[in-house]
Amino acid sequence: MKRTDPKAFLPLNTIMAGDCIEVMNSLPEASVDLIFADPPYNLQLKGQLHRPDNSEVDAVDDHWDQFDSFAAYDKFTRDWLAAARRLLKPNGAIWVIGSYHNIFRVGSALQDAGYWILNDVVWRKSNPMPNFRGKRLTNAHETMIWASKAEGAKYTFNYEALKSLNEGVQMRSDWVLPICNGHERLKDSNGDKAHPTQKPESLLHRVLIGSTNPGDVVLDPFFGTGTTGAVAKMLGREFIGIEREEAYRKVAEARIAKVRKFDREALQVSASKRAEPRVPFGQLVERGMLRPGEMLVNARGQAARVRADGTLATDGFNGSIHQVGAHIENAPSCNGWTYWNFKKDGKVIPIDLLRQQIRAEMN
């Protein structure tokens, strides 16, 4: 029987009105690849805050960020996390962003709900708001938790793409990015901030490049003014937004309507080596690219003989290309593909070139 694609029942690329828990519970189970959640922080602000020049700070004091108690906030967190987990595909993942007011409570609830935490990422703001009262450190960062649906899930991680974003250096878990301001900050009809906690597109760009692929479905249950949807559209991902505030929905709809999707070539990112097709060394022997009895050498000229079953032999030790390399180096492991070479016409050639030939045929 042909299976129906769950995407056929999803309201793709739309902003749904209503309570996020109720809306999520109405969507098909195991239908979403990634969830990015920017829930209320429960800031517990008391009184007005002023700058040194006595001007008032436009702080987050909206009704949607107010809860009667920590217990009420914890129940809300557990309920929306349960609804979100039901929606995730088996290999899906979630990102949740928060501040010191709420992120520790959210992290505990994530683990209690069965999620498996992969990383916590510190978004270090290059231009944070100063601490005007001078009674605490300047709060210059927010924390994001990245978690898979369950332990052992094969979540998406585009390692090479993030490394490329970082000029060829492995991406770290501390991200230095500016807060949303200037032309990116959306304004309402009165010229005020359309949303007090609008996130910068650079943050979502990094999240989606690193943990989704083109065509994936990304759900944001606290959609606000639509940063997740705007970046998802640009990057060729499908999105679903949930937002109960009509004013935010209107701003998000107008914003996303202006977004242009990148062309197909621009959507391609550097592929992870782990994502490439697996080629057993024995296949090189089967296909006659290397012959039984042929010698492989390492960079120092130490040799091992190829055997008919795709193993190597040297000095009374037999094993895979990796095991024999580790044996020679007296090391716990070795990547045999980059360790061994063969000789042809007087030239020393890495065996990995033969593997790449086979992979090219598979594409």
Protein backbone atom coordinates (compact mmCIF):
# COMPACT_ATOMS: atom_id res chain seq x y z
CA MET A 1 0.00 0.00 0.00
CA LYS A 2 1.36 3.40 -0.94
CA ARG A 3 1.97 5.64 2.05
CA THR A 4 0.56 9.14 2.00
CA ASP A 5 3.07 11.91 2.52
CA PRO A 6 2.16 13.56 5.88
CA LYS A 7 3.07 16.92 4.33
CA ALA A 8 -0.11 16.61 2.26
CA PHE A 9 -2.14 17.21 5.45
CA LEU A 10 -0.09 20.11 6.76
CA PRO A 11 -0.94 23.80 6.38
CA LEU A 12 2.44 24.56 4.85
CA ASN A 13 3.73 28.11 4.60
CA THR A 14 0.84 29.54 6.58
CA ILE A 15 0.43 31.27 9.91
CA MET A 16 -2.19 29.60 12.07
CA ALA A 17 -4.16 31.62 14.61
CA GLY A 18 -4.81 30.30 18.09
CA ASP A 19 -3.28 28.75 21.18
CA CYS A 20 -0.08 26.93 20.23
CA ILE A 21 -0.90 23.79 22.24
CA GLU A 22 -4.37 23.42 20.76
CA VAL A 23 -3.13 24.05 17.23
CA MET A 24 -0.21 21.62 17.55
CA ASN A 25 -2.54 18.93 18.88
CA SER A 26 -4.67 19.36 15.75
CA LEU A 27 -1.79 18.64 13.35
CA PRO A 28 -0.73 15.16 12.13
CA GLU A 29 1.60 13.19 14.37
CA ALA A 30 5.26 12.75 13.31
CA SER A 31 4.99 15.25 10.46
CA VAL A 32 7.56 17.94 11.27
CA ASP A 33 11.33 17.87 10.78
CA LEU A 34 12.34 20.72 13.08
CA ILE A 35 10.77 22.97 15.69
CA PHE A 36 12.20 26.34 16.60
CA ALA A 37 10.57 27.68 19.74
CA ASP A 38 10.95 31.14 21.25
CA PRO A 39 8.49 30.79 24.16
CA PRO A 40 7.57 33.47 26.69
CA TYR A 41 10.54 34.06 28.99
CA ASN A 42 8.43 34.81 32.09
CA LEU A 43 10.68 37.80 32.84
CA GLN A 44 8.96 38.68 36.14
CA LEU A 45 9.62 42.39 35.60
CA LYS A 46 8.54 44.67 38.42
CA GLY A 47 8.25 48.42 38.05
CA GLN A 48 9.47 50.71 35.30
CA LEU A 49 13.05 50.78 34.07
CA HIS A 50 14.77 54.04 33.09
CA ARG A 51 18.00 54.96 31.35
CA PRO A 52 20.51 57.37 32.98
CA ASP A 53 18.88 60.24 31.02
CA ASN A 54 15.58 59.25 32.72
CA SER A 55 13.98 58.00 29.47
CA GLU A 56 11.90 54.86 29.92
CA VAL A 57 13.17 51.52 28.58
CA ASP A 58 10.73 49.68 26.33
CA ALA A 59 10.92 46.42 28.26
CA VAL A 60 8.97 43.20 27.75
CA ASP A 61 5.85 43.62 29.85
CA ASP A 62 3.25 42.19 27.45
CA HIS A 63 0.43 40.04 28.79
CA TRP A 64 1.65 36.95 26.93
CA ASP A 65 4.85 36.94 29.03
CA GLN A 66 3.09 37.03 32.39
CA PHE A 67 2.37 33.95 34.49
CA ASP A 68 0.91 33.72 38.00
CA SER A 69 3.69 31.50 39.35
CA PHE A 70 6.63 29.30 38.43
CA ALA A 71 4.27 26.34 38.75
CA ALA A 72 1.94 27.84 36.15
CA TYR A 73 4.87 28.50 33.82
CA ASP A 74 6.19 24.96 34.30
CA LYS A 75 2.81 23.43 33.43
CA PHE A 76 2.61 25.59 30.31
CA THR A 77 6.13 24.49 29.33
CA ARG A 78 5.40 20.79 29.86
CA ASP A 79 2.18 21.01 27.84
CA TRP A 80 3.65 22.74 24.80
CA LEU A 81 6.77 20.51 24.81
CA ALA A 82 4.54 17.40 24.83
CA ALA A 83 2.50 18.72 21.91
CA ALA A 84 5.70 19.59 20.04
CA ARG A 85 7.28 16.17 20.59
CA ARG A 86 4.19 14.43 19.20
CA LEU A 87 4.62 16.41 15.98
CA LEU A 88 8.30 15.64 15.45
CA LYS A 89 9.34 12.87 13.11
CA PRO A 90 11.41 10.10 14.76
CA ASN A 91 14.61 11.82 13.63
CA GLY A 92 13.32 15.34 14.20
CA ALA A 93 14.83 17.91 16.52
CA ILE A 94 13.93 21.04 18.45
CA TRP A 95 15.63 24.33 19.29
CA VAL A 96 14.39 26.35 22.26
CA ILE A 97 15.75 29.80 23.07
CA GLY A 98 15.50 31.53 26.42
CA SER A 99 17.20 33.67 29.03
CA TYR A 100 18.30 32.96 32.59
CA HIS A 101 14.69 33.61 33.65
CA ASN A 102 13.38 30.44 32.02
CA ILE A 103 15.94 28.34 30.14
CA PHE A 104 16.92 26.16 33.10
CA ARG A 105 13.30 25.28 33.78
CA VAL A 106 12.78 24.56 30.08
CA GLY A 107 15.89 22.36 29.96
CA SER A 108 14.65 20.24 32.83
CA ALA A 109 11.22 19.89 31.22
CA LEU A 110 12.83 18.87 27.92
CA GLN A 111 14.67 16.01 29.57
CA ASP A 112 11.64 14.95 31.59
CA ALA A 113 9.60 14.82 28.34
CA GLY A 114 12.04 12.39 26.70
CA TYR A 115 14.03 14.73 24.48
CA TRP A 116 17.79 14.15 24.22
CA ILE A 117 19.88 17.32 24.59
CA LEU A 118 22.56 17.65 21.90
CA ASN A 119 24.03 21.07 22.67
CA ASP A 120 23.36 24.26 24.50
CA VAL A 121 24.38 27.23 22.38
CA VAL A 122 25.19 30.62 23.84
CA TRP A 123 24.08 33.46 21.60
CA ARG A 124 26.48 36.21 22.68
CA LYS A 125 25.05 39.55 21.65
CA SER A 126 27.64 41.84 20.12
CA ASN A 127 25.50 44.87 21.02
CA PRO A 128 23.50 44.03 24.18
CA MET A 129 21.34 46.45 26.11
CA PRO A 130 23.35 47.73 29.10
CA ASN A 131 22.31 47.17 32.68
CA PHE A 132 20.96 50.63 33.50
CA ARG A 133 20.58 50.16 37.25
CA GLY A 134 24.16 48.98 37.66
CA LYS A 135 23.17 46.30 40.16
CA ARG A 136 23.97 43.25 38.00
CA LEU A 137 26.22 42.19 35.14
CA THR A 138 25.09 43.27 31.69
CA ASN A 139 22.94 40.45 30.39
CA ALA A 140 24.80 39.93 27.12
CA HIS A 141 23.62 36.50 26.01
CA GLU A 142 20.72 34.13 25.56
CA THR A 143 20.85 30.34 25.57
CA MET A 144 19.49 27.95 22.98
CA ILE A 145 19.01 24.24 23.66
CA TRP A 146 19.21 21.89 20.69
CA ALA A 147 17.66 18.48 21.32
CA SER A 148 16.66 15.43 19.32
CA LYS A 149 13.29 13.76 19.82
CA ALA A 150 14.94 10.84 21.60
CA GLU A 151 18.32 9.38 22.39
CA GLY A 152 19.83 7.67 19.34
CA ALA A 153 17.75 9.61 16.80
CA LYS A 154 19.50 10.33 13.49
CA TYR A 155 18.96 14.07 13.56
CA THR A 156 20.16 16.35 10.74
CA PHE A 157 23.50 18.05 11.33
CA ASN A 158 25.16 19.78 8.40
CA TYR A 159 28.60 19.92 9.96
CA GLU A 160 30.48 20.94 6.82
CA ALA A 161 27.99 23.70 6.02
CA LEU A 162 28.40 25.29 9.45
CA LYS A 163 32.15 24.92 9.16
CA SER A 164 32.01 26.75 5.82
CA LEU A 165 29.95 29.55 7.42
CA ASN A 166 32.76 29.86 9.97
CA GLU A 167 35.57 30.27 7.38
CA GLY A 168 36.59 26.62 7.47
CA VAL A 169 36.81 26.36 11.26
CA GLN A 170 34.59 23.98 13.23
CA MET A 171 31.51 25.82 14.48
CA ARG A 172 31.56 26.36 18.22
CA SER A 173 28.67 26.53 20.67
CA ASP A 174 29.12 30.25 21.33
CA TRP A 175 27.70 32.41 18.56
CA VAL A 176 28.54 36.10 18.43
CA LEU A 177 25.73 37.84 16.54
CA PRO A 178 24.09 41.27 16.91
CA ILE A 179 20.60 41.74 18.27
CA CYS A 180 17.87 42.74 15.86
CA ASN A 181 18.06 46.47 15.18
CA GLY A 182 18.32 49.02 12.40
CA HIS A 183 16.52 48.22 9.14
CA GLU A 184 15.77 44.67 10.30
CA ARG A 185 13.75 45.81 13.32
CA LEU A 186 10.09 45.81 12.31
CA LYS A 187 7.94 48.75 13.34
CA ASP A 188 4.20 49.14 13.79
CA SER A 189 2.05 51.97 12.42
CA ASN A 190 3.13 54.21 15.30
CA GLY A 191 6.82 53.69 14.59
CA ASP A 192 7.28 51.53 17.69
CA LYS A 193 8.79 48.04 17.82
CA ALA A 194 6.34 45.61 16.27
CA HIS A 195 7.55 42.93 18.71
CA PRO A 196 9.74 43.38 21.81
CA THR A 197 11.79 40.20 21.34
CA GLN A 198 12.20 39.96 17.55
CA LYS A 199 15.12 37.63 16.78
CA PRO A 200 17.73 38.46 14.12
CA GLU A 201 17.59 36.58 10.83
CA SER A 202 21.27 35.70 11.19
CA LEU A 203 20.44 33.51 14.19
CA LEU A 204 17.74 31.56 12.34
CA HIS A 205 19.91 31.29 9.24
CA ARG A 206 22.57 29.47 11.23
CA VAL A 207 20.03 27.21 12.96
CA LEU A 208 18.29 26.20 9.73
CA ILE A 209 21.47 25.75 7.69
CA GLY A 210 22.91 23.55 10.42
CA SER A 211 19.94 21.36 11.27
CA THR A 212 17.60 21.18 8.26
CA ASN A 213 17.69 20.47 4.53
CA PRO A 214 15.76 22.11 1.67
CA GLY A 215 12.16 20.91 1.67
CA ASP A 216 12.11 20.13 5.41
CA VAL A 217 9.13 21.30 7.46
CA VAL A 218 9.98 23.79 10.21
CA LEU A 219 7.36 24.66 12.81
CA ASP A 220 7.48 27.71 15.08
CA PRO A 221 4.79 27.61 17.78
CA PHE A 222 5.56 31.16 18.98
CA PHE A 223 5.79 32.78 15.57
CA GLY A 224 5.73 36.44 16.56
CA THR A 225 6.65 38.62 13.58
CA GLY A 226 7.83 35.65 11.54
CA THR A 227 11.64 35.53 11.58
CA THR A 228 11.55 31.72 11.34
CA GLY A 229 9.15 31.81 8.40
CA ALA A 230 11.09 34.50 6.54
CA VAL A 231 14.39 32.63 6.81
CA ALA A 232 12.76 29.28 6.05
CA LYS A 233 11.26 30.69 2.85
CA MET A 234 14.60 32.17 1.75
CA LEU A 235 16.35 28.84 2.36
CA GLY A 236 13.77 26.66 0.60
CA ARG A 237 12.29 25.11 3.74
CA GLU A 238 8.56 24.76 4.38
CA PHE A 239 7.25 26.50 7.50
CA ILE A 240 4.25 26.47 9.77
CA GLY A 241 3.74 29.37 12.15
CA ILE A 242 1.41 29.51 15.13
CA GLU A 243 0.60 32.90 16.64
CA ARG A 244 -2.36 33.94 18.77
CA GLU A 245 -1.80 37.71 18.55
CA GLU A 246 -3.47 39.17 15.47
CA ALA A 247 -1.16 42.20 15.34
CA TYR A 248 1.92 39.97 15.11
CA ARG A 249 0.30 37.78 12.45
CA LYS A 250 -0.39 40.78 10.23
CA VAL A 251 3.21 42.00 10.48
CA ALA A 252 4.55 38.50 9.80
CA GLU A 253 2.32 37.96 6.76
CA ALA A 254 3.38 41.27 5.19
CA ARG A 255 7.03 40.53 5.94
CA ILE A 256 7.08 37.01 4.50
CA ALA A 257 5.19 38.08 1.37
CA LYS A 258 8.20 40.25 0.48
CA VAL A 259 10.75 37.45 0.92
CA ARG A 260 12.33 35.95 -2.19
CA LYS A 261 13.30 32.29 -2.13
CA PHE A 262 16.91 31.59 -3.11
CA ASP A 263 17.38 29.72 -6.38
CA ARG A 264 18.10 25.99 -6.31
CA GLU A 265 21.85 26.33 -6.81
CA ALA A 266 22.15 28.86 -3.99
CA LEU A 267 20.32 26.50 -1.61
CA GLN A 268 23.03 23.85 -1.90
CA VAL A 269 25.40 23.64 1.07
CA SER A 270 28.63 21.82 1.78
CA ALA A 271 27.77 18.18 2.39
CA SER A 272 28.99 16.29 5.41
CA LYS A 273 31.42 13.50 4.64
CA ARG A 274 29.30 11.27 6.85
CA ALA A 275 26.39 11.80 4.48
CA GLU A 276 28.32 10.47 1.49
CA PRO A 277 27.66 6.87 0.34
CA ARG A 278 29.63 4.26 2.25
CA VAL A 279 32.20 2.39 0.14
CA PRO A 280 33.81 -0.72 1.70
CA PHE A 281 37.51 -1.09 0.94
CA GLY A 282 36.77 -4.62 -0.28
CA GLN A 283 34.82 -3.14 -3.18
CA LEU A 284 38.06 -1.72 -4.57
CA VAL A 285 39.47 -5.26 -4.55
CA GLU A 286 36.33 -6.80 -6.06
CA ARG A 287 36.39 -4.34 -8.93
CA GLY A 288 40.08 -4.84 -9.66
CA MET A 289 41.03 -1.29 -8.75
CA LEU A 290 43.50 -2.89 -6.33
CA ARG A 291 44.73 -6.47 -6.63
CA PRO A 292 45.31 -9.11 -3.94
CA GLY A 293 49.02 -9.09 -3.13
CA GLU A 294 49.42 -5.41 -4.03
CA MET A 295 51.26 -3.30 -1.46
CA LEU A 296 49.89 -0.22 0.25
CA VAL A 297 52.25 2.24 1.93
CA ASN A 298 51.86 4.99 4.52
CA ALA A 299 53.60 8.37 4.46
CA ARG A 300 56.76 6.85 5.97
CA GLY A 301 56.91 4.02 3.45
CA GLN A 302 55.73 1.30 5.84
CA ALA A 303 53.83 -1.32 3.87
CA ALA A 304 50.89 -3.71 4.15
CA ARG A 305 49.71 -6.31 1.64
CA VAL A 306 46.17 -6.34 0.21
CA ARG A 307 44.34 -9.63 0.73
CA ALA A 308 41.53 -11.10 -1.34
CA ASP A 309 38.87 -10.43 1.30
CA GLY A 310 39.62 -6.69 1.50
CA THR A 311 41.80 -6.88 4.62
CA LEU A 312 45.48 -6.01 4.95
CA ALA A 313 48.38 -8.00 6.38
CA THR A 314 51.61 -6.71 7.90
CA ASP A 315 54.14 -8.23 10.29
CA GLY A 316 51.84 -11.02 11.38
CA PHE A 317 48.87 -8.71 11.96
CA ASN A 318 45.72 -8.84 9.82
CA GLY A 319 42.74 -6.51 9.78
CA SER A 320 40.87 -3.74 8.02
CA ILE A 321 42.63 -0.73 6.51
CA HIS A 322 41.76 1.14 9.70
CA GLN A 323 42.83 -1.59 12.13
CA VAL A 324 46.20 -2.18 10.46
CA GLY A 325 46.90 1.55 10.32
CA ALA A 326 46.10 1.86 14.03
CA HIS A 327 48.33 -1.17 14.75
CA ILE A 328 51.30 0.38 12.97
CA GLU A 329 50.81 3.72 14.73
CA ASN A 330 50.09 2.07 18.08
CA ALA A 331 47.00 4.28 18.21
CA PRO A 332 43.41 3.59 19.31
CA SER A 333 42.04 4.40 15.85
CA CYS A 334 43.07 5.36 12.34
CA ASN A 335 41.29 6.56 9.20
CA GLY A 336 42.67 4.07 6.70
CA TRP A 337 41.31 5.99 3.72
CA THR A 338 43.61 8.92 4.39
CA TYR A 339 46.45 6.80 5.84
CA TRP A 340 47.17 4.41 2.96
CA ASN A 341 48.47 4.97 -0.57
CA PHE A 342 49.19 2.75 -3.55
CA LYS A 343 51.87 3.09 -6.22
CA LYS A 344 51.14 3.45 -9.91
CA ASP A 345 53.61 4.37 -12.65
CA GLY A 346 56.08 5.41 -9.99
CA LYS A 347 53.62 7.76 -8.30
CA VAL A 348 52.17 7.45 -4.78
CA ILE A 349 48.38 7.89 -4.89
CA PRO A 350 45.93 8.01 -1.92
CA ILE A 351 43.48 5.11 -1.93
CA ASP A 352 40.76 7.66 -1.12
CA LEU A 353 40.86 8.75 -4.77
CA LEU A 354 39.58 5.31 -5.72
CA ARG A 355 36.77 5.63 -3.20
CA GLN A 356 35.83 9.02 -4.69
CA GLN A 357 35.67 7.46 -8.17
CA ILE A 358 33.12 4.93 -6.95
CA ARG A 359 31.11 7.62 -5.15
CA ALA A 360 31.02 9.72 -8.31
CA GLU A 361 29.44 6.78 -10.13
CA MET A 362 26.73 6.56 -7.46
CA ASN A 363 25.57 10.15 -7.97
